[in-house]
Amino acid sequence: VNKLKNENNLEYTTDQIIVSNGAKQSVCNAIMAL
């Protein structure tokens, strides 16, 4: 959350962050969810 705010000027809360087993799983999670 701090990285996104400081480097990207984007505001998120911790419950909007899901950490996964690599960004590959993150992409797949999002596709499977939508």
PDB file of all heavy atoms in Angstrom:
ATOM      1  N   VAL A   1       0.842  -1.201   0.000  1.00  0.00           N
ATOM      2  CA  VAL A   1       0.000   0.000   0.000  1.00  0.00           C
ATOM      3  C   VAL A   1       0.879   1.253   0.000  1.00  0.00           C
ATOM      4  O   VAL A   1       0.632   2.206  -0.761  1.00  0.00           O
ATOM      5  CB  VAL A   1      -0.951   0.003   1.216  1.00  0.00           C
ATOM      6  CG1 VAL A   1      -1.558   1.380   1.434  1.00  0.00           C
ATOM      7  CG2 VAL A   1      -2.055  -1.034   1.021  1.00  0.00           C
ATOM      8  N   ASN A   2       1.917   1.259   0.828  1.00  0.00           N
ATOM      9  CA  ASN A   2       2.822   2.405   0.888  1.00  0.00           C
ATOM     10  C   ASN A   2       3.578   2.595  -0.422  1.00  0.00           C
ATOM     11  O   ASN A   2       3.771   3.727  -0.888  1.00  0.00           O
ATOM     12  CB  ASN A   2       3.817   2.238   2.036  1.00  0.00           C
ATOM     13  CG  ASN A   2       3.155   2.350   3.396  1.00  0.00           C
ATOM     14  OD1 ASN A   2       2.067   2.915   3.535  1.00  0.00           O
ATOM     15  ND2 ASN A   2       3.789   1.796   4.419  1.00  0.00           N
ATOM     16  N   LYS A   3       4.000   1.481  -1.016  1.00  0.00           N
ATOM     17  CA  LYS A   3       4.690   1.559  -2.308  1.00  0.00           C
ATOM     18  C   LYS A   3       3.792   2.183  -3.373  1.00  0.00           C
ATOM     19  O   LYS A   3       4.220   3.056  -4.146  1.00  0.00           O
ATOM     20  CB  LYS A   3       5.137   0.161  -2.744  1.00  0.00           C
ATOM     21  CG  LYS A   3       5.759   0.101  -4.134  1.00  0.00           C
ATOM     22  CD  LYS A   3       4.767  -0.462  -5.145  1.00  0.00           C
ATOM     23  CE  LYS A   3       5.355  -0.581  -6.518  1.00  0.00           C
ATOM     24  NZ  LYS A   3       5.117   0.509  -7.436  1.00  0.00           N
ATOM     25  N   LEU A   4       2.550   1.746  -3.434  1.00  0.00           N
ATOM     26  CA  LEU A   4       1.619   2.262  -4.446  1.00  0.00           C
ATOM     27  C   LEU A   4       1.334   3.749  -4.244  1.00  0.00           C
ATOM     28  O   LEU A   4       1.199   4.501  -5.220  1.00  0.00           O
ATOM     29  CB  LEU A   4       0.319   1.455  -4.412  1.00  0.00           C
ATOM     30  CG  LEU A   4       0.442   0.010  -4.931  1.00  0.00           C
ATOM     31  CD1 LEU A   4      -0.767  -0.818  -4.500  1.00  0.00           C
ATOM     32  CD2 LEU A   4       0.586  -0.008  -6.447  1.00  0.00           C
ATOM     33  N   LYS A   5       1.266   4.162  -2.993  1.00  0.00           N
ATOM     34  CA  LYS A   5       1.025   5.585  -2.709  1.00  0.00           C
ATOM     35  C   LYS A   5       2.256   6.424  -3.036  1.00  0.00           C
ATOM     36  O   LYS A   5       2.161   7.457  -3.706  1.00  0.00           O
ATOM     37  CB  LYS A   5       0.638   5.775  -1.243  1.00  0.00           C
ATOM     38  CG  LYS A   5       0.389   7.244  -0.874  1.00  0.00           C
ATOM     39  CD  LYS A   5      -0.136   7.390   0.535  1.00  0.00           C
ATOM     40  CE  LYS A   5      -0.271   8.860   0.930  1.00  0.00           C
ATOM     41  NZ  LYS A   5      -1.089   9.644  -0.017  1.00  0.00           N
ATOM     42  N   ASN A   6       3.420   5.976  -2.578  1.00  0.00           N
ATOM     43  CA  ASN A   6       4.637   6.777  -2.719  1.00  0.00           C
ATOM     44  C   ASN A   6       5.187   6.790  -4.144  1.00  0.00           C
ATOM     45  O   ASN A   6       5.683   7.812  -4.615  1.00  0.00           O
ATOM     46  CB  ASN A   6       5.716   6.265  -1.760  1.00  0.00           C
ATOM     47  CG  ASN A   6       5.309   6.419  -0.303  1.00  0.00           C
ATOM     48  OD1 ASN A   6       4.536   7.298   0.043  1.00  0.00           O
ATOM     49  ND2 ASN A   6       5.830   5.546   0.552  1.00  0.00           N
ATOM     50  N   GLU A   7       5.102   5.655  -4.828  1.00  0.00           N
ATOM     51  CA  GLU A   7       5.689   5.567  -6.165  1.00  0.00           C
ATOM     52  C   GLU A   7       4.688   5.819  -7.279  1.00  0.00           C
ATOM     53  O   GLU A   7       5.070   6.279  -8.362  1.00  0.00           O
ATOM     54  CB  GLU A   7       6.322   4.188  -6.374  1.00  0.00           C
ATOM     55  CG  GLU A   7       7.533   3.924  -5.493  1.00  0.00           C
ATOM     56  CD  GLU A   7       8.229   2.613  -5.814  1.00  0.00           C
ATOM     57  OE1 GLU A   7       7.735   1.871  -6.700  1.00  0.00           O
ATOM     58  OE2 GLU A   7       9.267   2.336  -5.194  1.00  0.00           O
ATOM     59  N   ASN A   8       3.413   5.505  -7.045  1.00  0.00           N
ATOM     60  CA  ASN A   8       2.418   5.581  -8.123  1.00  0.00           C
ATOM     61  C   ASN A   8       1.300   6.574  -7.865  1.00  0.00           C
ATOM     62  O   ASN A   8       0.425   6.752  -8.712  1.00  0.00           O
ATOM     63  CB  ASN A   8       1.821   4.189  -8.361  1.00  0.00           C
ATOM     64  CG  ASN A   8       2.889   3.131  -8.581  1.00  0.00           C
ATOM     65  OD1 ASN A   8       3.206   2.364  -7.674  1.00  0.00           O
ATOM     66  ND2 ASN A   8       3.475   3.099  -9.762  1.00  0.00           N
ATOM     67  N   ASN A   9       1.305   7.176  -6.664  1.00  0.00           N
ATOM     68  CA  ASN A   9       0.258   8.125  -6.288  1.00  0.00           C
ATOM     69  C   ASN A   9      -1.137   7.498  -6.368  1.00  0.00           C
ATOM     70  O   ASN A   9      -2.111   8.130  -6.779  1.00  0.00           O
ATOM     71  CB  ASN A   9       0.321   9.385  -7.164  1.00  0.00           C
ATOM     72  CG  ASN A   9      -0.421  10.563  -6.547  1.00  0.00           C
ATOM     73  OD1 ASN A   9      -0.533  10.670  -5.321  1.00  0.00           O
ATOM     74  ND2 ASN A   9      -0.944  11.436  -7.388  1.00  0.00           N
ATOM     75  N   LEU A  10      -1.226   6.236  -5.957  1.00  0.00           N
ATOM     76  CA  LEU A  10      -2.489   5.503  -5.971  1.00  0.00           C
ATOM     77  C   LEU A  10      -2.837   5.079  -4.546  1.00  0.00           C
ATOM     78  O   LEU A  10      -1.997   4.499  -3.847  1.00  0.00           O
ATOM     79  CB  LEU A  10      -2.403   4.273  -6.875  1.00  0.00           C
ATOM     80  CG  LEU A  10      -2.290   4.551  -8.382  1.00  0.00           C
ATOM     81  CD1 LEU A  10      -1.932   3.277  -9.135  1.00  0.00           C
ATOM     82  CD2 LEU A  10      -3.594   5.139  -8.923  1.00  0.00           C
ATOM     83  N   GLU A  11      -4.060   5.341  -4.132  1.00  0.00           N
ATOM     84  CA  GLU A  11      -4.509   5.044  -2.764  1.00  0.00           C
ATOM     85  C   GLU A  11      -5.250   3.712  -2.719  1.00  0.00           C
ATOM     86  O   GLU A  11      -6.253   3.527  -3.419  1.00  0.00           O
ATOM     87  CB  GLU A  11      -5.435   6.160  -2.269  1.00  0.00           C
ATOM     88  CG  GLU A  11      -4.776   7.530  -2.185  1.00  0.00           C
ATOM     89  CD  GLU A  11      -4.090   7.767  -0.848  1.00  0.00           C
ATOM     90  OE1 GLU A  11      -4.134   6.866   0.009  1.00  0.00           O
ATOM     91  OE2 GLU A  11      -3.518   8.862  -0.677  1.00  0.00           O
ATOM     92  N   TYR A  12      -4.738   2.796  -1.919  1.00  0.00           N
ATOM     93  CA  TYR A  12      -5.400   1.507  -1.681  1.00  0.00           C
ATOM     94  C   TYR A  12      -5.402   1.235  -0.176  1.00  0.00           C
ATOM     95  O   TYR A  12      -4.605   1.800   0.574  1.00  0.00           O
ATOM     96  CB  TYR A  12      -4.667   0.362  -2.399  1.00  0.00           C
ATOM     97  CG  TYR A  12      -4.844   0.362  -3.895  1.00  0.00           C
ATOM     98  CD1 TYR A  12      -3.933   1.008  -4.725  1.00  0.00           C
ATOM     99  CD2 TYR A  12      -5.915  -0.294  -4.490  1.00  0.00           C
ATOM    100  CE1 TYR A  12      -4.084   1.001  -6.104  1.00  0.00           C
ATOM    101  CE2 TYR A  12      -6.076  -0.306  -5.868  1.00  0.00           C
ATOM    102  CZ  TYR A  12      -5.151   0.342  -6.669  1.00  0.00           C
ATOM    103  OH  TYR A  12      -5.308   0.341  -8.031  1.00  0.00           O
ATOM    104  N   THR A  13      -6.288   0.339   0.235  1.00  0.00           N
ATOM    105  CA  THR A  13      -6.275  -0.163   1.598  1.00  0.00           C
ATOM    106  C   THR A  13      -5.721  -1.581   1.583  1.00  0.00           C
ATOM    107  O   THR A  13      -5.683  -2.236   0.531  1.00  0.00           O
ATOM    108  CB  THR A  13      -7.685  -0.164   2.199  1.00  0.00           C
ATOM    109  OG1 THR A  13      -8.542  -0.981   1.366  1.00  0.00           O
ATOM    110  CG2 THR A  13      -8.257   1.245   2.260  1.00  0.00           C
ATOM    111  N   THR A  14      -5.300  -2.069   2.736  1.00  0.00           N
ATOM    112  CA  THR A  14      -4.669  -3.392   2.771  1.00  0.00           C
ATOM    113  C   THR A  14      -5.615  -4.511   2.346  1.00  0.00           C
ATOM    114  O   THR A  14      -5.164  -5.530   1.818  1.00  0.00           O
ATOM    115  CB  THR A  14      -4.126  -3.697   4.182  1.00  0.00           C
ATOM    116  OG1 THR A  14      -5.167  -3.544   5.148  1.00  0.00           O
ATOM    117  CG2 THR A  14      -2.970  -2.778   4.526  1.00  0.00           C
ATOM    118  N   ASP A  15      -6.931  -4.321   2.545  1.00  0.00           N
ATOM    119  CA  ASP A  15      -7.851  -5.383   2.127  1.00  0.00           C
ATOM    120  C   ASP A  15      -8.087  -5.391   0.617  1.00  0.00           C
ATOM    121  O   ASP A  15      -8.786  -6.269   0.109  1.00  0.00           O
ATOM    122  CB  ASP A  15      -9.185  -5.311   2.888  1.00  0.00           C
ATOM    123  CG  ASP A  15      -9.877  -3.970   2.769  1.00  0.00           C
ATOM    124  OD1 ASP A  15      -9.319  -3.063   2.113  1.00  0.00           O
ATOM    125  OD2 ASP A  15     -10.975  -3.820   3.348  1.00  0.00           O
ATOM    126  N   GLN A  16      -7.489  -4.454  -0.095  1.00  0.00           N
ATOM    127  CA  GLN A  16      -7.535  -4.465  -1.563  1.00  0.00           C
ATOM    128  C   GLN A  16      -6.287  -5.111  -2.159  1.00  0.00           C
ATOM    129  O   GLN A  16      -6.147  -5.181  -3.383  1.00  0.00           O
ATOM    130  CB  GLN A  16      -7.668  -3.038  -2.105  1.00  0.00           C
ATOM    131  CG  GLN A  16      -9.006  -2.380  -1.807  1.00  0.00           C
ATOM    132  CD  GLN A  16      -9.056  -0.958  -2.349  1.00  0.00           C
ATOM    133  OE1 GLN A  16      -8.561  -0.022  -1.722  1.00  0.00           O
ATOM    134  NE2 GLN A  16      -9.636  -0.798  -3.524  1.00  0.00           N
ATOM    135  N   ILE A  17      -5.396  -5.586  -1.307  1.00  0.00           N
ATOM    136  CA  ILE A  17      -4.147  -6.221  -1.743  1.00  0.00           C
ATOM    137  C   ILE A  17      -4.221  -7.718  -1.467  1.00  0.00           C
ATOM    138  O   ILE A  17      -4.511  -8.132  -0.345  1.00  0.00           O
ATOM    139  CB  ILE A  17      -2.928  -5.631  -0.995  1.00  0.00           C
ATOM    140  CG1 ILE A  17      -2.917  -4.104  -1.052  1.00  0.00           C
ATOM    141  CG2 ILE A  17      -1.634  -6.231  -1.532  1.00  0.00           C
ATOM    142  CD1 ILE A  17      -2.814  -3.509  -2.430  1.00  0.00           C
ATOM    143  N   ILE A  18      -3.969  -8.530  -2.471  1.00  0.00           N
ATOM    144  CA  ILE A  18      -3.888  -9.983  -2.297  1.00  0.00           C
ATOM    145  C   ILE A  18      -2.509 -10.422  -2.775  1.00  0.00           C
ATOM    146  O   ILE A  18      -2.152 -10.237  -3.941  1.00  0.00           O
ATOM    147  CB  ILE A  18      -4.973 -10.730  -3.108  1.00  0.00           C
ATOM    148  CG1 ILE A  18      -6.374 -10.213  -2.761  1.00  0.00           C
ATOM    149  CG2 ILE A  18      -4.860 -12.237  -2.873  1.00  0.00           C
ATOM    150  CD1 ILE A  18      -6.808 -10.460  -1.342  1.00  0.00           C
ATOM    151  N   VAL A  19      -1.733 -10.984  -1.866  1.00  0.00           N
ATOM    152  CA  VAL A  19      -0.396 -11.469  -2.190  1.00  0.00           C
ATOM    153  C   VAL A  19      -0.501 -12.939  -2.602  1.00  0.00           C
ATOM    154  O   VAL A  19      -1.182 -13.727  -1.939  1.00  0.00           O
ATOM    155  CB  VAL A  19       0.555 -11.316  -0.989  1.00  0.00           C
ATOM    156  CG1 VAL A  19       1.970 -11.762  -1.360  1.00  0.00           C
ATOM    157  CG2 VAL A  19       0.563  -9.870  -0.502  1.00  0.00           C
ATOM    158  N   SER A  20       0.193 -13.286  -3.692  1.00  0.00           N
ATOM    159  CA  SER A  20       0.070 -14.638  -4.251  1.00  0.00           C
ATOM    160  C   SER A  20       1.432 -15.262  -4.483  1.00  0.00           C
ATOM    161  O   SER A  20       2.474 -14.640  -4.255  1.00  0.00           O
ATOM    162  CB  SER A  20      -0.712 -14.586  -5.567  1.00  0.00           C
ATOM    163  OG  SER A  20      -2.004 -14.046  -5.366  1.00  0.00           O
ATOM    164  N   ASN A  21       1.403 -16.496  -4.959  1.00  0.00           N
ATOM    165  CA  ASN A  21       2.628 -17.244  -5.241  1.00  0.00           C
ATOM    166  C   ASN A  21       3.181 -16.820  -6.603  1.00  0.00           C
ATOM    167  O   ASN A  21       3.158 -17.567  -7.574  1.00  0.00           O
ATOM    168  CB  ASN A  21       2.341 -18.743  -5.225  1.00  0.00           C
ATOM    169  CG  ASN A  21       1.861 -19.209  -3.873  1.00  0.00           C
ATOM    170  OD1 ASN A  21       2.656 -19.453  -2.982  1.00  0.00           O
ATOM    171  ND2 ASN A  21       0.549 -19.301  -3.703  1.00  0.00           N
ATOM    172  N   GLY A  22       3.668 -15.599  -6.678  1.00  0.00           N
ATOM    173  CA  GLY A  22       4.175 -15.040  -7.920  1.00  0.00           C
ATOM    174  C   GLY A  22       3.104 -14.255  -8.656  1.00  0.00           C
ATOM    175  O   GLY A  22       1.901 -14.489  -8.500  1.00  0.00           O
ATOM    176  N   ALA A  23       3.554 -13.296  -9.478  1.00  0.00           N
ATOM    177  CA  ALA A  23       2.615 -12.478 -10.258  1.00  0.00           C
ATOM    178  C   ALA A  23       1.849 -13.316 -11.274  1.00  0.00           C
ATOM    179  O   ALA A  23       0.743 -12.949 -11.683  1.00  0.00           O
ATOM    180  CB  ALA A  23       3.366 -11.349 -10.962  1.00  0.00           C
ATOM    181  N   LYS A  24       2.412 -14.449 -11.653  1.00  0.00           N
ATOM    182  CA  LYS A  24       1.713 -15.350 -12.584  1.00  0.00           C
ATOM    183  C   LYS A  24       0.399 -15.830 -11.974  1.00  0.00           C
ATOM    184  O   LYS A  24      -0.642 -15.825 -12.641  1.00  0.00           O
ATOM    185  CB  LYS A  24       2.617 -16.533 -12.927  1.00  0.00           C
ATOM    186  CG  LYS A  24       2.157 -17.370 -14.116  1.00  0.00           C
ATOM    187  CD  LYS A  24       3.257 -18.346 -14.507  1.00  0.00           C
ATOM    188  CE  LYS A  24       2.982 -18.972 -15.874  1.00  0.00           C
ATOM    189  NZ  LYS A  24       4.118 -19.796 -16.352  1.00  0.00           N
ATOM    190  N   GLN A  25       0.430 -16.225 -10.707  1.00  0.00           N
ATOM    191  CA  GLN A  25      -0.807 -16.614 -10.040  1.00  0.00           C
ATOM    192  C   GLN A  25      -1.731 -15.416  -9.881  1.00  0.00           C
ATOM    193  O   GLN A  25      -2.957 -15.557  -9.988  1.00  0.00           O
ATOM    194  CB  GLN A  25      -0.536 -17.237  -8.674  1.00  0.00           C
ATOM    195  CG  GLN A  25      -1.836 -17.734  -8.028  1.00  0.00           C
ATOM    196  CD  GLN A  25      -1.659 -18.298  -6.630  1.00  0.00           C
ATOM    197  OE1 GLN A  25      -0.662 -18.069  -5.971  1.00  0.00           O
ATOM    198  NE2 GLN A  25      -2.645 -19.045  -6.171  1.00  0.00           N
ATOM    199  N   SER A  26      -1.167 -14.232  -9.648  1.00  0.00           N
ATOM    200  CA  SER A  26      -1.989 -13.033  -9.500  1.00  0.00           C
ATOM    201  C   SER A  26      -2.798 -12.770 -10.760  1.00  0.00           C
ATOM    202  O   SER A  26      -3.995 -12.470 -10.695  1.00  0.00           O
ATOM    203  CB  SER A  26      -1.100 -11.824  -9.182  1.00  0.00           C
ATOM    204  OG  SER A  26      -0.419 -11.994  -7.966  1.00  0.00           O
ATOM    205  N   VAL A  27      -2.158 -12.884 -11.917  1.00  0.00           N
ATOM    206  CA  VAL A  27      -2.861 -12.702 -13.191  1.00  0.00           C
ATOM    207  C   VAL A  27      -3.958 -13.747 -13.333  1.00  0.00           C
ATOM    208  O   VAL A  27      -5.108 -13.433 -13.681  1.00  0.00           O
ATOM    209  CB  VAL A  27      -1.884 -12.794 -14.385  1.00  0.00           C
ATOM    210  CG1 VAL A  27      -2.645 -12.771 -15.708  1.00  0.00           C
ATOM    211  CG2 VAL A  27      -0.877 -11.652 -14.358  1.00  0.00           C
ATOM    212  N   CYS A  28      -3.608 -14.989 -13.054  1.00  0.00           N
ATOM    213  CA  CYS A  28      -4.576 -16.080 -13.218  1.00  0.00           C
ATOM    214  C   CYS A  28      -5.745 -15.928 -12.250  1.00  0.00           C
ATOM    215  O   CYS A  28      -6.904 -16.165 -12.627  1.00  0.00           O
ATOM    216  CB  CYS A  28      -3.874 -17.415 -13.017  1.00  0.00           C
ATOM    217  SG  CYS A  28      -4.805 -18.822 -13.671  1.00  0.00           S
ATOM    218  N   ASN A  29      -5.469 -15.533 -11.017  1.00  0.00           N
ATOM    219  CA  ASN A  29      -6.546 -15.290 -10.056  1.00  0.00           C
ATOM    220  C   ASN A  29      -7.553 -14.282 -10.601  1.00  0.00           C
ATOM    221  O   ASN A  29      -8.767 -14.484 -10.522  1.00  0.00           O
ATOM    222  CB  ASN A  29      -5.972 -14.738  -8.743  1.00  0.00           C
ATOM    223  CG  ASN A  29      -5.414 -15.811  -7.832  1.00  0.00           C
ATOM    224  OD1 ASN A  29      -5.597 -17.006  -8.055  1.00  0.00           O
ATOM    225  ND2 ASN A  29      -4.711 -15.383  -6.804  1.00  0.00           N
ATOM    226  N   ALA A  30      -7.036 -13.164 -11.138  1.00  0.00           N
ATOM    227  CA  ALA A  30      -7.912 -12.103 -11.630  1.00  0.00           C
ATOM    228  C   ALA A  30      -8.751 -12.577 -12.814  1.00  0.00           C
ATOM    229  O   ALA A  30      -9.948 -12.280 -12.912  1.00  0.00           O
ATOM    230  CB  ALA A  30      -7.084 -10.879 -12.016  1.00  0.00           C
ATOM    231  N   ILE A  31      -8.132 -13.334 -13.704  1.00  0.00           N
ATOM    232  CA  ILE A  31      -8.872 -13.860 -14.858  1.00  0.00           C
ATOM    233  C   ILE A  31      -9.946 -14.842 -14.400  1.00  0.00           C
ATOM    234  O   ILE A  31     -11.103 -14.769 -14.833  1.00  0.00           O
ATOM    235  CB  ILE A  31      -7.898 -14.527 -15.857  1.00  0.00           C
ATOM    236  CG1 ILE A  31      -7.024 -13.465 -16.523  1.00  0.00           C
ATOM    237  CG2 ILE A  31      -8.667 -15.317 -16.922  1.00  0.00           C
ATOM    238  CD1 ILE A  31      -5.893 -14.033 -17.365  1.00  0.00           C
ATOM    239  N   MET A  32      -9.581 -15.755 -13.511  1.00  0.00           N
ATOM    240  CA  MET A  32     -10.548 -16.747 -13.039  1.00  0.00           C
ATOM    241  C   MET A  32     -11.674 -16.105 -12.238  1.00  0.00           C
ATOM    242  O   MET A  32     -12.809 -16.607 -12.220  1.00  0.00           O
ATOM    243  CB  MET A  32      -9.832 -17.786 -12.176  1.00  0.00           C
ATOM    244  CG  MET A  32      -8.792 -18.612 -12.913  1.00  0.00           C
ATOM    245  SD  MET A  32      -9.475 -19.670 -14.213  1.00  0.00           S
ATOM    246  CE  MET A  32     -10.156 -20.989 -13.222  1.00  0.00           C
ATOM    247  N   ALA A  33     -11.404 -14.983 -11.584  1.00  0.00           N
ATOM    248  CA  ALA A  33     -12.429 -14.313 -10.782  1.00  0.00           C
ATOM    249  C   ALA A  33     -13.430 -13.546 -11.632  1.00  0.00           C
ATOM    250  O   ALA A  33     -14.577 -13.347 -11.213  1.00  0.00           O
ATOM    251  CB  ALA A  33     -11.756 -13.351  -9.795  1.00  0.00           C
ATOM    252  N   LEU A  34     -13.032 -13.129 -12.832  1.00  0.00           N
ATOM    253  CA  LEU A  34     -13.879 -12.241 -13.626  1.00  0.00           C
ATOM    254  C   LEU A  34     -14.426 -12.845 -14.913  1.00  0.00           C
ATOM    255  O   LEU A  34     -15.491 -12.448 -15.383  1.00  0.00           O
ATOM    256  CB  LEU A  34     -13.100 -10.963 -13.980  1.00  0.00           C
ATOM    257  CG  LEU A  34     -12.924  -9.960 -12.848  1.00  0.00           C
ATOM    258  CD1 LEU A  34     -11.872  -8.918 -13.214  1.00  0.00           C
ATOM    259  CD2 LEU A  34     -14.241  -9.278 -12.523  1.00  0.00           C
TER     260      LEU A  34
END
